[in-house]
Amino acid sequence: MFRSGPADAFAVREMGGLTAVYHRPSGTTHLLAPPAPEILRALADAPMTADMLLAVLMRAYDLADPDAAALAARIEELVAAGLVERA
């Protein structure tokens, strides 16, 4: 299971195709490209497994041919950045 922090842990600003995310607990700002911001938003609602997250993203963004391996890699990048944690 994976989860992001509570909504108040992040300050988020869209910046022309990228998303700036200030992570208040660490004091670090991250520039994220899709689908990372979408993953953070989805995980803000409730902890999910990678398969659950993939299903949510498929419904929300009408994905016809999802790539589970690519999603797993993006999740691991967010974990390494400290924006997502294993629950």
PDB file of N, CA and C in Angstrom:
ATOM      1  N   MET A   1       0.843  -1.175   0.000  1.00  0.00           N
ATOM      2  CA  MET A   1       0.000   0.000   0.000  1.00  0.00           C
ATOM      3  C   MET A   1       0.892   1.244   0.000  1.00  0.00           C
ATOM      4  N   PHE A   2       0.395   2.262  -0.642  1.00  0.00           N
ATOM      5  CA  PHE A   2       1.104   3.537  -0.722  1.00  0.00           C
ATOM      6  C   PHE A   2       0.153   4.652  -0.328  1.00  0.00           C
ATOM      7  N   ARG A   3       0.721   5.733   0.202  1.00  0.00           N
ATOM      8  CA  ARG A   3      -0.085   6.903   0.526  1.00  0.00           C
ATOM      9  C   ARG A   3       0.777   8.149   0.415  1.00  0.00           C
ATOM     10  N   SER A   4       0.101   9.246   0.136  1.00  0.00           N
ATOM     11  CA  SER A   4       0.790  10.533   0.178  1.00  0.00           C
ATOM     12  C   SER A   4       0.405  11.188   1.493  1.00  0.00           C
ATOM     13  N   GLY A   5       1.038  12.276   1.819  1.00  0.00           N
ATOM     14  CA  GLY A   5       0.711  12.954   3.063  1.00  0.00           C
ATOM     15  C   GLY A   5      -0.636  13.647   2.980  1.00  0.00           C
ATOM     16  N   PRO A   6      -1.071  14.223   4.083  1.00  0.00           N
ATOM     17  CA  PRO A   6      -2.334  14.966   4.073  1.00  0.00           C
ATOM     18  C   PRO A   6      -2.222  16.182   3.148  1.00  0.00           C
ATOM     19  N   ALA A   7      -3.346  16.647   2.662  1.00  0.00           N
ATOM     20  CA  ALA A   7      -3.361  17.759   1.703  1.00  0.00           C
ATOM     21  C   ALA A   7      -2.614  18.979   2.226  1.00  0.00           C
ATOM     22  N   ASP A   8      -2.689  19.243   3.529  1.00  0.00           N
ATOM     23  CA  ASP A   8      -2.028  20.432   4.067  1.00  0.00           C
ATOM     24  C   ASP A   8      -0.508  20.270   4.166  1.00  0.00           C
ATOM     25  N   ALA A   9       0.003  19.087   3.835  1.00  0.00           N
ATOM     26  CA  ALA A   9       1.454  18.880   3.823  1.00  0.00           C
ATOM     27  C   ALA A   9       2.080  19.392   2.529  1.00  0.00           C
ATOM     28  N   PHE A  10       1.243  19.732   1.544  1.00  0.00           N
ATOM     29  CA  PHE A  10       1.724  20.138   0.236  1.00  0.00           C
ATOM     30  C   PHE A  10       1.156  21.496  -0.167  1.00  0.00           C
ATOM     31  N   ALA A  11       1.973  22.305  -0.818  1.00  0.00           N
ATOM     32  CA  ALA A  11       1.503  23.492  -1.534  1.00  0.00           C
ATOM     33  C   ALA A  11       1.778  23.192  -3.000  1.00  0.00           C
ATOM     34  N   VAL A  12       0.744  23.263  -3.823  1.00  0.00           N
ATOM     35  CA  VAL A  12       0.853  22.828  -5.210  1.00  0.00           C
ATOM     36  C   VAL A  12       0.525  23.999  -6.141  1.00  0.00           C
ATOM     37  N   ARG A  13       1.367  24.196  -7.156  1.00  0.00           N
ATOM     38  CA  ARG A  13       1.149  25.239  -8.164  1.00  0.00           C
ATOM     39  C   ARG A  13       1.457  24.672  -9.538  1.00  0.00           C
ATOM     40  N   GLU A  14       0.534  24.884 -10.456  1.00  0.00           N
ATOM     41  CA  GLU A  14       0.744  24.478 -11.848  1.00  0.00           C
ATOM     42  C   GLU A  14       1.650  25.513 -12.521  1.00  0.00           C
ATOM     43  N   MET A  15       2.574  25.016 -13.334  1.00  0.00           N
ATOM     44  CA  MET A  15       3.547  25.901 -13.983  1.00  0.00           C
ATOM     45  C   MET A  15       3.779  25.472 -15.428  1.00  0.00           C
ATOM     46  N   GLY A  16       2.831  25.731 -16.290  1.00  0.00           N
ATOM     47  CA  GLY A  16       3.024  25.454 -17.712  1.00  0.00           C
ATOM     48  C   GLY A  16       3.430  24.045 -18.053  1.00  0.00           C
ATOM     49  N   GLY A  17       2.653  23.073 -17.681  1.00  0.00           N
ATOM     50  CA  GLY A  17       2.955  21.681 -17.995  1.00  0.00           C
ATOM     51  C   GLY A  17       3.663  20.930 -16.884  1.00  0.00           C
ATOM     52  N   LEU A  18       4.254  21.648 -15.945  1.00  0.00           N
ATOM     53  CA  LEU A  18       4.867  21.029 -14.773  1.00  0.00           C
ATOM     54  C   LEU A  18       4.081  21.448 -13.538  1.00  0.00           C
ATOM     55  N   THR A  19       4.283  20.737 -12.476  1.00  0.00           N
ATOM     56  CA  THR A  19       3.635  21.070 -11.214  1.00  0.00           C
ATOM     57  C   THR A  19       4.715  21.230 -10.153  1.00  0.00           C
ATOM     58  N   ALA A  20       4.723  22.391  -9.504  1.00  0.00           N
ATOM     59  CA  ALA A  20       5.633  22.625  -8.384  1.00  0.00           C
ATOM     60  C   ALA A  20       4.925  22.173  -7.117  1.00  0.00           C
ATOM     61  N   VAL A  21       5.588  21.307  -6.360  1.00  0.00           N
ATOM     62  CA  VAL A  21       5.029  20.789  -5.118  1.00  0.00           C
ATOM     63  C   VAL A  21       6.001  21.116  -3.990  1.00  0.00           C
ATOM     64  N   TYR A  22       5.548  21.966  -3.078  1.00  0.00           N
ATOM     65  CA  TYR A  22       6.336  22.262  -1.887  1.00  0.00           C
ATOM     66  C   TYR A  22       5.870  21.307  -0.794  1.00  0.00           C
ATOM     67  N   HIS A  23       6.788  20.495  -0.308  1.00  0.00           N
ATOM     68  CA  HIS A  23       6.498  19.509   0.734  1.00  0.00           C
ATOM     69  C   HIS A  23       6.851  20.151   2.067  1.00  0.00           C
ATOM     70  N   ARG A  24       5.835  20.611   2.782  1.00  0.00           N
ATOM     71  CA  ARG A  24       6.058  21.363   4.018  1.00  0.00           C
ATOM     72  C   ARG A  24       6.877  20.596   5.062  1.00  0.00           C
ATOM     73  N   PRO A  25       6.617  19.305   5.304  1.00  0.00           N
ATOM     74  CA  PRO A  25       7.396  18.612   6.339  1.00  0.00           C
ATOM     75  C   PRO A  25       8.905  18.589   6.078  1.00  0.00           C
ATOM     76  N   SER A  26       9.307  18.492   4.818  1.00  0.00           N
ATOM     77  CA  SER A  26      10.745  18.431   4.522  1.00  0.00           C
ATOM     78  C   SER A  26      11.316  19.783   4.110  1.00  0.00           C
ATOM     79  N   GLY A  27      10.441  20.727   3.758  1.00  0.00           N
ATOM     80  CA  GLY A  27      10.909  22.022   3.288  1.00  0.00           C
ATOM     81  C   GLY A  27      11.484  21.976   1.886  1.00  0.00           C
ATOM     82  N   THR A  28      11.136  20.948   1.137  1.00  0.00           N
ATOM     83  CA  THR A  28      11.685  20.741  -0.199  1.00  0.00           C
ATOM     84  C   THR A  28      10.624  21.007  -1.259  1.00  0.00           C
ATOM     85  N   THR A  29      11.054  21.640  -2.344  1.00  0.00           N
ATOM     86  CA  THR A  29      10.178  21.857  -3.491  1.00  0.00           C
ATOM     87  C   THR A  29      10.578  20.898  -4.602  1.00  0.00           C
ATOM     88  N   HIS A  30       9.580  20.290  -5.213  1.00  0.00           N
ATOM     89  CA  HIS A  30       9.792  19.333  -6.296  1.00  0.00           C
ATOM     90  C   HIS A  30       9.061  19.833  -7.534  1.00  0.00           C
ATOM     91  N   LEU A  31       9.664  19.685  -8.705  1.00  0.00           N
ATOM     92  CA  LEU A  31       8.982  19.936  -9.970  1.00  0.00           C
ATOM     93  C   LEU A  31       8.599  18.594 -10.561  1.00  0.00           C
ATOM     94  N   LEU A  32       7.302  18.406 -10.770  1.00  0.00           N
ATOM     95  CA  LEU A  32       6.796  17.117 -11.218  1.00  0.00           C
ATOM     96  C   LEU A  32       6.136  17.233 -12.584  1.00  0.00           C
ATOM     97  N   ALA A  33       6.357  16.219 -13.397  1.00  0.00           N
ATOM     98  CA  ALA A  33       5.689  16.089 -14.687  1.00  0.00           C
ATOM     99  C   ALA A  33       4.627  15.006 -14.568  1.00  0.00           C
ATOM    100  N   PRO A  34       3.603  15.058 -15.415  1.00  0.00           N
ATOM    101  CA  PRO A  34       2.597  13.999 -15.392  1.00  0.00           C
ATOM    102  C   PRO A  34       3.262  12.643 -15.605  1.00  0.00           C
ATOM    103  N   PRO A  35       2.820  11.620 -14.934  1.00  0.00           N
ATOM    104  CA  PRO A  35       1.612  11.502 -14.128  1.00  0.00           C
ATOM    105  C   PRO A  35       1.844  11.676 -12.620  1.00  0.00           C
ATOM    106  N   ALA A  36       2.996  12.176 -12.220  1.00  0.00           N
ATOM    107  CA  ALA A  36       3.300  12.266 -10.788  1.00  0.00           C
ATOM    108  C   ALA A  36       2.281  13.094  -9.997  1.00  0.00           C
ATOM    109  N   PRO A  37       1.872  14.281 -10.465  1.00  0.00           N
ATOM    110  CA  PRO A  37       0.878  15.038  -9.688  1.00  0.00           C
ATOM    111  C   PRO A  37      -0.460  14.291  -9.574  1.00  0.00           C
ATOM    112  N   GLU A  38      -0.826  13.598 -10.642  1.00  0.00           N
ATOM    113  CA  GLU A  38      -2.071  12.835 -10.630  1.00  0.00           C
ATOM    114  C   GLU A  38      -1.991  11.678  -9.633  1.00  0.00           C
ATOM    115  N   ILE A  39      -0.834  11.072  -9.525  1.00  0.00           N
ATOM    116  CA  ILE A  39      -0.627   9.998  -8.552  1.00  0.00           C
ATOM    117  C   ILE A  39      -0.755  10.551  -7.134  1.00  0.00           C
ATOM    118  N   LEU A  40      -0.121  11.691  -6.870  1.00  0.00           N
ATOM    119  CA  LEU A  40      -0.230  12.306  -5.538  1.00  0.00           C
ATOM    120  C   LEU A  40      -1.670  12.622  -5.188  1.00  0.00           C
ATOM    121  N   ARG A  41      -2.409  13.198  -6.149  1.00  0.00           N
ATOM    122  CA  ARG A  41      -3.822  13.525  -5.888  1.00  0.00           C
ATOM    123  C   ARG A  41      -4.620  12.271  -5.576  1.00  0.00           C
ATOM    124  N   ALA A  42      -4.407  11.218  -6.337  1.00  0.00           N
ATOM    125  CA  ALA A  42      -5.155   9.975  -6.116  1.00  0.00           C
ATOM    126  C   ALA A  42      -4.838   9.364  -4.757  1.00  0.00           C
ATOM    127  N   LEU A  43      -3.578   9.415  -4.353  1.00  0.00           N
ATOM    128  CA  LEU A  43      -3.182   8.810  -3.078  1.00  0.00           C
ATOM    129  C   LEU A  43      -3.546   9.672  -1.875  1.00  0.00           C
ATOM    130  N   ALA A  44      -3.976  10.901  -2.109  1.00  0.00           N
ATOM    131  CA  ALA A  44      -4.396  11.765  -1.001  1.00  0.00           C
ATOM    132  C   ALA A  44      -5.717  11.305  -0.409  1.00  0.00           C
ATOM    133  N   ASP A  45      -6.531  10.618  -1.205  1.00  0.00           N
ATOM    134  CA  ASP A  45      -7.844  10.179  -0.736  1.00  0.00           C
ATOM    135  C   ASP A  45      -7.765   9.001   0.220  1.00  0.00           C
ATOM    136  N   ALA A  46      -6.900   8.046  -0.092  1.00  0.00           N
ATOM    137  CA  ALA A  46      -6.785   6.848   0.742  1.00  0.00           C
ATOM    138  C   ALA A  46      -5.558   6.051   0.301  1.00  0.00           C
ATOM    139  N   PRO A  47      -4.946   5.305   1.213  1.00  0.00           N
ATOM    140  CA  PRO A  47      -3.836   4.439   0.810  1.00  0.00           C
ATOM    141  C   PRO A  47      -4.321   3.412  -0.218  1.00  0.00           C
ATOM    142  N   MET A  48      -3.466   3.087  -1.162  1.00  0.00           N
ATOM    143  CA  MET A  48      -3.826   2.131  -2.215  1.00  0.00           C
ATOM    144  C   MET A  48      -2.635   1.271  -2.582  1.00  0.00           C
ATOM    145  N   THR A  49      -2.941   0.105  -3.091  1.00  0.00           N
ATOM    146  CA  THR A  49      -1.911  -0.706  -3.727  1.00  0.00           C
ATOM    147  C   THR A  49      -1.662  -0.125  -5.117  1.00  0.00           C
ATOM    148  N   ALA A  50      -0.607  -0.562  -5.752  1.00  0.00           N
ATOM    149  CA  ALA A  50      -0.328  -0.105  -7.112  1.00  0.00           C
ATOM    150  C   ALA A  50      -1.458  -0.491  -8.054  1.00  0.00           C
ATOM    151  N   ASP A  51      -2.023  -1.686  -7.878  1.00  0.00           N
ATOM    152  CA  ASP A  51      -3.139  -2.118  -8.730  1.00  0.00           C
ATOM    153  C   ASP A  51      -4.382  -1.260  -8.503  1.00  0.00           C
ATOM    154  N   MET A  52      -4.666  -0.925  -7.265  1.00  0.00           N
ATOM    155  CA  MET A  52      -5.809  -0.061  -6.969  1.00  0.00           C
ATOM    156  C   MET A  52      -5.603   1.309  -7.598  1.00  0.00           C
ATOM    157  N   LEU A  53      -4.396   1.840  -7.460  1.00  0.00           N
ATOM    158  CA  LEU A  53      -4.072   3.142  -8.022  1.00  0.00           C
ATOM    159  C   LEU A  53      -4.220   3.119  -9.543  1.00  0.00           C
ATOM    160  N   LEU A  54      -3.745   2.072 -10.168  1.00  0.00           N
ATOM    161  CA  LEU A  54      -3.872   1.947 -11.615  1.00  0.00           C
ATOM    162  C   LEU A  54      -5.345   1.968 -12.029  1.00  0.00           C
ATOM    163  N   ALA A  55      -6.194   1.272 -11.291  1.00  0.00           N
ATOM    164  CA  ALA A  55      -7.625   1.255 -11.604  1.00  0.00           C
ATOM    165  C   ALA A  55      -8.238   2.646 -11.459  1.00  0.00           C
ATOM    166  N   VAL A  56      -7.857   3.369 -10.416  1.00  0.00           N
ATOM    167  CA  VAL A  56      -8.367   4.728 -10.203  1.00  0.00           C
ATOM    168  C   VAL A  56      -7.932   5.641 -11.346  1.00  0.00           C
ATOM    169  N   LEU A  57      -6.659   5.571 -11.713  1.00  0.00           N
ATOM    170  CA  LEU A  57      -6.153   6.413 -12.796  1.00  0.00           C
ATOM    171  C   LEU A  57      -6.779   6.045 -14.134  1.00  0.00           C
ATOM    172  N   MET A  58      -7.023   4.765 -14.359  1.00  0.00           N
ATOM    173  CA  MET A  58      -7.673   4.324 -15.596  1.00  0.00           C
ATOM    174  C   MET A  58      -9.061   4.942 -15.722  1.00  0.00           C
ATOM    175  N   ARG A  59      -9.820   4.930 -14.623  1.00  0.00           N
ATOM    176  CA  ARG A  59     -11.167   5.513 -14.644  1.00  0.00           C
ATOM    177  C   ARG A  59     -11.111   7.032 -14.786  1.00  0.00           C
ATOM    178  N   ALA A  60     -10.246   7.668 -14.023  1.00  0.00           N
ATOM    179  CA  ALA A  60     -10.199   9.133 -14.001  1.00  0.00           C
ATOM    180  C   ALA A  60      -9.699   9.728 -15.318  1.00  0.00           C
ATOM    181  N   TYR A  61      -8.792   9.037 -15.984  1.00  0.00           N
ATOM    182  CA  TYR A  61      -8.160   9.600 -17.178  1.00  0.00           C
ATOM    183  C   TYR A  61      -8.447   8.787 -18.436  1.00  0.00           C
ATOM    184  N   ASP A  62      -9.410   7.868 -18.359  1.00  0.00           N
ATOM    185  CA  ASP A  62      -9.848   7.081 -19.505  1.00  0.00           C
ATOM    186  C   ASP A  62      -8.658   6.451 -20.240  1.00  0.00           C
ATOM    187  N   LEU A  63      -7.812   5.759 -19.479  1.00  0.00           N
ATOM    188  CA  LEU A  63      -6.629   5.114 -20.052  1.00  0.00           C
ATOM    189  C   LEU A  63      -7.020   3.789 -20.690  1.00  0.00           C
ATOM    190  N   ALA A  64      -6.733   3.646 -21.959  1.00  0.00           N
ATOM    191  CA  ALA A  64      -7.095   2.425 -22.670  1.00  0.00           C
ATOM    192  C   ALA A  64      -6.036   1.343 -22.533  1.00  0.00           C
ATOM    193  N   ASP A  65      -4.770   1.737 -22.505  1.00  0.00           N
ATOM    194  CA  ASP A  65      -3.681   0.765 -22.479  1.00  0.00           C
ATOM    195  C   ASP A  65      -2.688   1.147 -21.379  1.00  0.00           C
ATOM    196  N   PRO A  66      -3.042   0.925 -20.119  1.00  0.00           N
ATOM    197  CA  PRO A  66      -2.166   1.354 -19.022  1.00  0.00           C
ATOM    198  C   PRO A  66      -0.896   0.514 -18.954  1.00  0.00           C
ATOM    199  N   ASP A  67       0.151   1.134 -18.441  1.00  0.00           N
ATOM    200  CA  ASP A  67       1.442   0.468 -18.304  1.00  0.00           C
ATOM    201  C   ASP A  67       1.745   0.326 -16.809  1.00  0.00           C
ATOM    202  N   ALA A  68       1.452  -0.839 -16.253  1.00  0.00           N
ATOM    203  CA  ALA A  68       1.625  -1.081 -14.818  1.00  0.00           C
ATOM    204  C   ALA A  68       3.086  -0.933 -14.392  1.00  0.00           C
ATOM    205  N   ALA A  69       4.015  -1.345 -15.230  1.00  0.00           N
ATOM    206  CA  ALA A  69       5.436  -1.230 -14.879  1.00  0.00           C
ATOM    207  C   ALA A  69       5.871   0.236 -14.814  1.00  0.00           C
ATOM    208  N   ALA A  70       5.368   1.036 -15.738  1.00  0.00           N
ATOM    209  CA  ALA A  70       5.703   2.469 -15.727  1.00  0.00           C
ATOM    210  C   ALA A  70       5.113   3.136 -14.490  1.00  0.00           C
ATOM    211  N   LEU A  71       3.890   2.763 -14.121  1.00  0.00           N
ATOM    212  CA  LEU A  71       3.279   3.328 -12.915  1.00  0.00           C
ATOM    213  C   LEU A  71       4.087   2.934 -11.681  1.00  0.00           C
ATOM    214  N   ALA A  72       4.500   1.687 -11.599  1.00  0.00           N
ATOM    215  CA  ALA A  72       5.312   1.238 -10.458  1.00  0.00           C
ATOM    216  C   ALA A  72       6.606   2.038 -10.365  1.00  0.00           C
ATOM    217  N   ALA A  73       7.212   2.337 -11.503  1.00  0.00           N
ATOM    218  CA  ALA A  73       8.446   3.135 -11.510  1.00  0.00           C
ATOM    219  C   ALA A  73       8.176   4.553 -11.018  1.00  0.00           C
ATOM    220  N   ARG A  74       7.053   5.167 -11.445  1.00  0.00           N
ATOM    221  CA  ARG A  74       6.715   6.525 -10.988  1.00  0.00           C
ATOM    222  C   ARG A  74       6.438   6.533  -9.492  1.00  0.00           C
ATOM    223  N   ILE A  75       5.759   5.506  -8.989  1.00  0.00           N
ATOM    224  CA  ILE A  75       5.499   5.426  -7.546  1.00  0.00           C
ATOM    225  C   ILE A  75       6.817   5.355  -6.791  1.00  0.00           C
ATOM    226  N   GLU A  76       7.745   4.529  -7.246  1.00  0.00           N
ATOM    227  CA  GLU A  76       9.041   4.401  -6.571  1.00  0.00           C
ATOM    228  C   GLU A  76       9.817   5.709  -6.594  1.00  0.00           C
ATOM    229  N   GLU A  77       9.712   6.464  -7.684  1.00  0.00           N
ATOM    230  CA  GLU A  77      10.361   7.779  -7.739  1.00  0.00           C
ATOM    231  C   GLU A  77       9.769   8.714  -6.676  1.00  0.00           C
ATOM    232  N   LEU A  78       8.455   8.676  -6.523  1.00  0.00           N
ATOM    233  CA  LEU A  78       7.803   9.520  -5.517  1.00  0.00           C
ATOM    234  C   LEU A  78       8.156   9.072  -4.101  1.00  0.00           C
ATOM    235  N   VAL A  79       8.321   7.767  -3.901  1.00  0.00           N
ATOM    236  CA  VAL A  79       8.766   7.257  -2.600  1.00  0.00           C
ATOM    237  C   VAL A  79      10.180   7.759  -2.321  1.00  0.00           C
ATOM    238  N   ALA A  80      11.067   7.650  -3.308  1.00  0.00           N
ATOM    239  CA  ALA A  80      12.454   8.100  -3.135  1.00  0.00           C
ATOM    240  C   ALA A  80      12.525   9.604  -2.860  1.00  0.00           C
ATOM    241  N   ALA A  81      11.593  10.370  -3.421  1.00  0.00           N
ATOM    242  CA  ALA A  81      11.571  11.816  -3.198  1.00  0.00           C
ATOM    243  C   ALA A  81      10.945  12.191  -1.862  1.00  0.00           C
ATOM    244  N   GLY A  82      10.338  11.211  -1.192  1.00  0.00           N
ATOM    245  CA  GLY A  82       9.709  11.477   0.101  1.00  0.00           C
ATOM    246  C   GLY A  82       8.303  12.029   0.011  1.00  0.00           C
ATOM    247  N   LEU A  83       7.694  11.986  -1.178  1.00  0.00           N
ATOM    248  CA  LEU A  83       6.344  12.501  -1.354  1.00  0.00           C
ATOM    249  C   LEU A  83       5.275  11.432  -1.149  1.00  0.00           C
ATOM    250  N   VAL A  84       5.667  10.182  -1.298  1.00  0.00           N
ATOM    251  CA  VAL A  84       4.781   9.029  -1.103  1.00  0.00           C
ATOM    252  C   VAL A  84       5.491   8.080  -0.159  1.00  0.00           C
ATOM    253  N   GLU A  85       4.724   7.440   0.682  1.00  0.00           N
ATOM    254  CA  GLU A  85       5.331   6.439   1.583  1.00  0.00           C
ATOM    255  C   GLU A  85       4.561   5.133   1.498  1.00  0.00           C
ATOM    256  N   ARG A  86       5.259   4.098   1.859  1.00  0.00           N
ATOM    257  CA  ARG A  86       4.601   2.781   1.946  1.00  0.00           C
ATOM    258  C   ARG A  86       3.781   2.751   3.226  1.00  0.00           C
ATOM    259  N   ALA A  87       2.554   2.333   3.090  1.00  0.00           N
ATOM    260  CA  ALA A  87       1.651   2.316   4.247  1.00  0.00           C
ATOM    261  C   ALA A  87       1.597   0.926   4.849  1.00  0.00           C
TER     262      ALA A  87
END
